[in-house]
Amino acid sequence: MKRLQNKVAIVTGGATGIGEAISKKFAREGASIVVAGLPDDPVNDVVAEIKELGGIAIGYSGDLSSFETAKGCVTVAVEQFGKLDVLINNAGVFVETNFLTEYSEEAFEYMFKNNNKTTFMMSKAALPELQKTKGNIVTAGSEAGILGIPQNAAYGGTKAFNTAFTKGLAAEQATKGVRCNVVAPGPIDTAWTYDETGPMVKKMEKLNLQATLMGRRGTAEEVANVYLFLASDEATYVTGAVYTVDGGITIAKGPTGKEADSLFKDQPESNLGLEHTHEGHTSIR
């Protein structure tokens, strides 16, 4: 049996970057997917791609930081598939790197809205259904929310909120049979970690790779693999946990990536047919 056979999952930010990989991975493992995203995300494209491969998916577009929109997303999932087993709080944005004295309030407010309010509203809307199915929530943290990274204090702060918020949920929802966990990626091969497509400058790109024990970016599929484990019944004794998927960056000291074995430096090929890894919100819209 597939690992998510007969499960129903909502994946927020499910059409770009890591979210696309989660949506396609879960669909391949038997889940019925609600690919949720902002109105200009390629939600319909990803739904079509999942269906072409024999998966089951529908799309939902809207501003999920609004409770009414978040509630609407949950309602669509239940009306279409009869229940909800898994909520993946993957939606988020990364739009600026800067010293705090120069950091724009607009960027901070945009990140708080999309990284934190969306997580809060979707969790609040989904919990009544997840309590019925004894389901689970997996939320996107970040190594920036664990370590603290120069010129990323605001972004790291939003991810630290998600981590503490999810741990609190795990503590309170254990009485209702709902597990809650965090996946904290490091530098991943998405639009966010390139100077050309995201807010990182070349120097920051280089430092990230040098500080990663494996000497490379992770792939979106490598992160999706961990989401899959936590969402599945293989993780029934895991709640309140933070799983780092970071190539060792949170324990690295200095430019250790330069010395990584070539086995680690070679990025594995994806087999999920990902088309939107380097899309996503890297500017205020």
Protein backbone atom coordinates (compact mmCIF):
# COMPACT_ATOMS: atom_id res chain seq x y z
CA MET A 1 0.00 0.00 0.00
CA LYS A 2 1.15 3.53 -0.72
CA ARG A 3 2.20 5.54 2.30
CA LEU A 4 -0.67 8.05 2.11
CA GLN A 5 -3.28 5.79 0.55
CA ASN A 6 -6.81 7.12 1.12
CA LYS A 7 -5.52 10.24 2.89
CA VAL A 8 -6.62 13.79 2.06
CA ALA A 9 -4.07 16.59 2.32
CA ILE A 10 -4.05 20.35 1.87
CA VAL A 11 -0.66 21.72 0.78
CA THR A 12 -0.43 25.50 1.11
CA GLY A 13 2.06 27.13 -1.20
CA GLY A 14 1.61 23.85 -3.03
CA ALA A 15 2.40 24.98 -6.56
CA THR A 16 5.94 26.33 -6.37
CA GLY A 17 9.29 25.50 -4.80
CA ILE A 18 9.20 22.90 -2.05
CA GLY A 19 5.40 22.99 -2.11
CA GLU A 20 5.23 21.63 -5.64
CA ALA A 21 7.46 18.73 -4.60
CA ILE A 22 5.27 18.00 -1.57
CA SER A 23 2.09 18.06 -3.65
CA LYS A 24 3.50 15.70 -6.26
CA LYS A 25 5.17 13.40 -3.72
CA PHE A 26 2.00 13.05 -1.67
CA ALA A 27 -0.11 12.42 -4.78
CA ARG A 28 2.31 9.71 -5.89
CA GLU A 29 1.93 8.09 -2.47
CA GLY A 30 -1.84 7.89 -2.81
CA ALA A 31 -3.15 11.09 -1.20
CA SER A 32 -5.89 13.26 -2.66
CA ILE A 33 -4.40 16.76 -2.75
CA VAL A 34 -5.74 20.28 -2.46
CA VAL A 35 -3.02 22.39 -4.06
CA ALA A 36 -3.53 25.78 -2.39
CA GLY A 37 -1.77 28.96 -3.41
CA LEU A 38 -2.00 32.67 -4.08
CA PRO A 39 -3.97 33.78 -7.14
CA ASP A 40 -0.87 34.21 -9.33
CA ASP A 41 0.69 30.84 -8.39
CA PRO A 42 0.64 28.08 -11.07
CA VAL A 43 -1.94 26.09 -9.09
CA ASN A 44 -3.88 24.87 -12.13
CA ASP A 45 -0.66 23.78 -13.86
CA VAL A 46 0.42 21.63 -10.91
CA VAL A 47 -3.05 20.10 -10.56
CA ALA A 48 -2.97 19.20 -14.26
CA GLU A 49 0.53 17.72 -13.94
CA ILE A 50 -0.55 15.57 -10.98
CA LYS A 51 -3.58 14.31 -12.89
CA GLU A 52 -1.46 13.50 -15.95
CA LEU A 53 0.56 11.15 -13.75
CA GLY A 54 -2.56 9.44 -12.43
CA GLY A 55 -2.88 11.37 -9.19
CA ILE A 56 -5.90 13.05 -7.61
CA ALA A 57 -5.81 16.80 -7.06
CA ILE A 58 -7.87 19.97 -7.07
CA GLY A 59 -6.75 23.57 -6.80
CA TYR A 60 -7.67 26.38 -4.45
CA SER A 61 -6.47 29.96 -4.94
CA GLY A 62 -6.78 32.84 -2.51
CA ASP A 63 -5.23 34.79 0.34
CA LEU A 64 -5.03 32.18 3.09
CA SER A 65 -4.08 34.76 5.72
CA SER A 66 -7.81 35.56 5.80
CA PHE A 67 -9.76 33.18 8.04
CA GLU A 68 -12.72 33.13 5.66
CA THR A 69 -10.47 32.11 2.78
CA ALA A 70 -8.67 29.53 4.92
CA LYS A 71 -11.99 28.11 6.09
CA GLY A 72 -13.11 28.01 2.46
CA CYS A 73 -10.06 25.93 1.56
CA VAL A 74 -10.87 23.38 4.27
CA THR A 75 -14.52 23.31 3.24
CA VAL A 76 -13.59 22.61 -0.38
CA ALA A 77 -11.34 19.72 0.72
CA VAL A 78 -14.09 18.13 2.83
CA GLU A 79 -16.82 18.69 0.24
CA GLN A 80 -14.68 17.21 -2.53
CA PHE A 81 -13.02 14.34 -0.67
CA GLY A 82 -15.17 13.78 2.42
CA LYS A 83 -12.55 14.50 5.08
CA LEU A 84 -9.17 16.06 5.88
CA ASP A 85 -6.21 14.05 7.23
CA VAL A 86 -3.17 16.28 6.71
CA LEU A 87 -2.48 20.00 6.65
CA ILE A 88 0.87 21.08 5.23
CA ASN A 89 1.58 24.69 6.25
CA ASN A 90 4.20 25.26 3.57
CA ALA A 91 3.12 28.68 2.28
CA GLY A 92 5.59 31.47 2.80
CA VAL A 93 7.57 34.27 1.22
CA PHE A 94 11.18 35.48 1.37
CA VAL A 95 11.45 38.97 -0.10
CA GLU A 96 14.35 40.89 1.42
CA THR A 97 17.77 40.49 3.01
CA ASN A 98 19.08 43.54 4.80
CA PHE A 99 20.41 44.91 8.06
CA LEU A 100 17.50 45.62 10.39
CA THR A 101 18.17 49.37 10.36
CA GLU A 102 17.58 49.31 6.60
CA TYR A 103 14.87 46.64 6.52
CA SER A 104 11.56 47.82 5.06
CA GLU A 105 8.44 47.65 7.17
CA GLU A 106 6.55 46.67 4.04
CA ALA A 107 8.69 43.54 3.63
CA PHE A 108 8.30 42.59 7.29
CA GLU A 109 4.53 43.01 7.21
CA TYR A 110 4.31 41.02 3.96
CA MET A 111 6.33 38.15 5.47
CA PHE A 112 4.34 38.17 8.71
CA LYS A 113 1.09 38.00 6.74
CA ASN A 114 2.17 35.16 4.45
CA ASN A 115 4.47 33.20 6.75
CA ASN A 116 2.62 33.50 10.05
CA LYS A 117 -0.98 34.61 9.62
CA THR A 118 -1.49 31.99 6.93
CA THR A 119 -0.12 29.27 9.21
CA PHE A 120 -2.31 30.47 12.09
CA MET A 121 -5.51 30.78 10.04
CA MET A 122 -5.09 27.50 8.16
CA SER A 123 -4.35 25.61 11.38
CA LYS A 124 -7.36 27.15 13.12
CA ALA A 125 -9.63 26.34 10.17
CA ALA A 126 -8.33 22.79 9.72
CA LEU A 127 -8.21 21.56 13.32
CA PRO A 128 -11.92 20.69 13.70
CA GLU A 129 -11.62 18.35 10.71
CA LEU A 130 -8.23 16.97 11.74
CA GLN A 131 -9.61 16.15 15.18
CA LYS A 132 -12.27 14.00 13.51
CA THR A 133 -9.70 11.99 11.52
CA LYS A 134 -6.91 12.05 14.16
CA GLY A 135 -4.81 13.73 11.50
CA ASN A 136 -1.70 15.86 11.60
CA ILE A 137 -0.12 19.20 10.73
CA VAL A 138 3.37 19.71 9.32
CA THR A 139 4.58 23.30 9.21
CA ALA A 140 7.51 24.93 7.43
CA GLY A 141 10.20 26.28 9.70
CA SER A 142 13.75 27.11 8.63
CA GLU A 143 17.32 26.87 9.81
CA ALA A 144 17.06 30.69 9.94
CA GLY A 145 14.44 30.26 12.66
CA ILE A 146 16.83 28.10 14.69
CA LEU A 147 20.22 29.75 14.23
CA GLY A 148 19.52 33.39 13.49
CA ILE A 149 21.23 34.59 10.32
CA PRO A 150 22.70 38.05 9.65
CA GLN A 151 20.50 40.21 7.43
CA ASN A 152 17.73 37.61 7.83
CA ALA A 153 16.57 38.50 11.33
CA ALA A 154 13.03 39.31 10.21
CA TYR A 155 12.61 36.21 8.05
CA GLY A 156 14.17 34.01 10.74
CA GLY A 157 11.81 35.56 13.26
CA THR A 158 8.77 34.53 11.24
CA LYS A 159 10.08 30.97 11.04
CA ALA A 160 10.87 30.88 14.76
CA PHE A 161 7.24 31.85 15.36
CA ASN A 162 6.09 28.94 13.20
CA THR A 163 8.28 26.56 15.17
CA ALA A 164 7.10 27.71 18.61
CA PHE A 165 3.51 27.91 17.40
CA THR A 166 3.58 24.34 16.11
CA LYS A 167 5.17 23.00 19.28
CA GLY A 168 2.42 24.70 21.27
CA LEU A 169 -0.19 23.13 19.01
CA ALA A 170 1.41 19.72 19.51
CA ALA A 171 1.12 20.12 23.27
CA GLU A 172 -2.51 21.19 23.26
CA GLN A 173 -3.75 18.95 20.45
CA ALA A 174 -2.34 15.72 21.84
CA THR A 175 -5.55 15.51 23.87
CA LYS A 176 -7.46 15.54 20.57
CA GLY A 177 -5.29 12.98 18.76
CA VAL A 178 -3.66 15.46 16.35
CA ARG A 179 0.11 15.38 15.77
CA CYS A 180 1.97 18.59 14.86
CA ASN A 181 5.56 18.82 13.60
CA VAL A 182 7.99 21.18 11.86
CA VAL A 183 10.31 20.71 8.91
CA ALA A 184 13.19 23.20 8.95
CA PRO A 185 15.01 23.31 5.59
CA GLY A 186 18.42 24.81 5.03
CA PRO A 187 19.56 26.19 1.66
CA ILE A 188 17.37 24.50 -0.96
CA ASP A 189 17.58 24.63 -4.75
CA THR A 190 14.66 27.03 -5.27
CA ALA A 191 14.27 30.60 -6.47
CA TRP A 192 14.86 31.84 -2.93
CA THR A 193 18.55 30.91 -2.76
CA TYR A 194 19.82 32.53 -5.96
CA ASP A 195 20.87 36.12 -6.49
CA GLU A 196 19.24 36.12 -9.94
CA THR A 197 15.78 35.07 -8.75
CA GLY A 198 15.61 35.89 -5.04
CA PRO A 199 16.76 38.32 -2.36
CA MET A 200 20.09 36.61 -1.64
CA VAL A 201 23.22 38.35 -2.88
CA LYS A 202 26.11 36.37 -4.38
CA LYS A 203 28.18 36.58 -1.20
CA MET A 204 25.33 35.14 0.86
CA GLU A 205 24.85 32.34 -1.70
CA LYS A 206 28.51 31.42 -1.42
CA LEU A 207 28.59 31.54 2.37
CA ASN A 208 25.50 29.34 2.60
CA LEU A 209 27.08 26.61 0.51
CA GLN A 210 30.41 26.83 2.30
CA ALA A 211 28.67 26.51 5.67
CA THR A 212 26.70 23.42 4.61
CA LEU A 213 28.45 20.17 5.53
CA MET A 214 27.39 18.56 2.26
CA GLY A 215 28.63 21.49 0.20
CA ARG A 216 25.48 21.98 -1.90
CA ARG A 217 21.87 23.02 -1.88
CA GLY A 218 19.27 20.44 -1.02
CA THR A 219 16.58 19.58 -3.53
CA ALA A 220 12.89 20.26 -3.10
CA GLU A 221 12.25 16.52 -3.32
CA GLU A 222 14.69 15.78 -0.49
CA VAL A 223 12.63 18.11 1.72
CA ALA A 224 9.35 16.59 0.50
CA ASN A 225 10.61 13.16 1.56
CA VAL A 226 10.71 14.32 5.19
CA TYR A 227 7.27 15.90 4.98
CA LEU A 228 6.01 12.56 3.66
CA PHE A 229 7.41 10.65 6.63
CA LEU A 230 5.95 13.05 9.18
CA ALA A 231 2.54 13.10 7.49
CA SER A 232 2.38 9.32 7.23
CA ASP A 233 1.43 6.67 9.77
CA GLU A 234 5.12 5.79 10.03
CA ALA A 235 5.50 8.80 12.34
CA THR A 236 2.74 7.96 14.83
CA TYR A 237 5.07 8.53 17.82
CA VAL A 238 6.41 11.86 16.53
CA THR A 239 4.85 15.13 17.65
CA GLY A 240 6.28 18.50 18.65
CA ALA A 241 9.44 17.67 16.71
CA VAL A 242 11.59 19.87 14.49
CA TYR A 243 13.23 17.97 11.63
CA THR A 244 16.12 19.86 10.06
CA VAL A 245 16.68 19.12 6.37
CA ASP A 246 19.72 21.30 5.95
CA GLY A 247 22.77 19.35 4.82
CA GLY A 248 24.21 19.84 8.31
CA ILE A 249 24.31 23.66 8.24
CA THR A 250 22.88 24.02 11.76
CA ILE A 251 25.82 22.12 13.27
CA ALA A 252 28.54 23.31 10.88
CA LYS A 253 31.40 25.47 12.07
CA GLY A 254 33.15 27.46 9.36
CA PRO A 255 33.36 26.76 5.61
CA THR A 256 33.12 22.99 5.99
CA GLY A 257 31.31 22.53 2.69
CA LYS A 258 34.57 22.99 0.80
CA GLU A 259 35.78 19.70 2.22
CA ALA A 260 32.62 17.66 1.61
CA ASP A 261 32.98 14.29 -0.10
CA SER A 262 32.00 14.33 -3.77
CA LEU A 263 29.21 11.85 -2.97
CA PHE A 264 27.54 14.53 -0.87
CA LYS A 265 28.20 17.36 -3.32
CA ASP A 266 26.44 15.62 -6.21
CA GLN A 267 22.79 16.68 -6.18
CA PRO A 268 20.40 13.76 -6.72
CA GLU A 269 18.09 13.92 -9.71
CA SER A 270 14.40 14.45 -9.07
CA ASN A 271 11.87 11.97 -10.39
CA LEU A 272 8.77 14.01 -9.57
CA GLY A 273 8.62 15.96 -12.82
CA LEU A 274 9.03 19.30 -11.03
CA GLU A 275 8.39 22.32 -13.27
CA HIS A 276 8.02 25.19 -10.79
CA THR A 277 10.90 24.77 -8.35
CA HIS A 278 12.34 28.16 -9.21
CA GLU A 279 9.05 30.03 -8.97
CA GLY A 280 7.51 31.49 -5.84
CA HIS A 281 7.30 34.80 -4.06
CA THR A 282 10.67 36.54 -3.78
CA SER A 283 9.26 40.04 -4.07
CA ILE A 284 6.29 41.88 -2.60
CA ARG A 285 3.17 41.48 -4.75
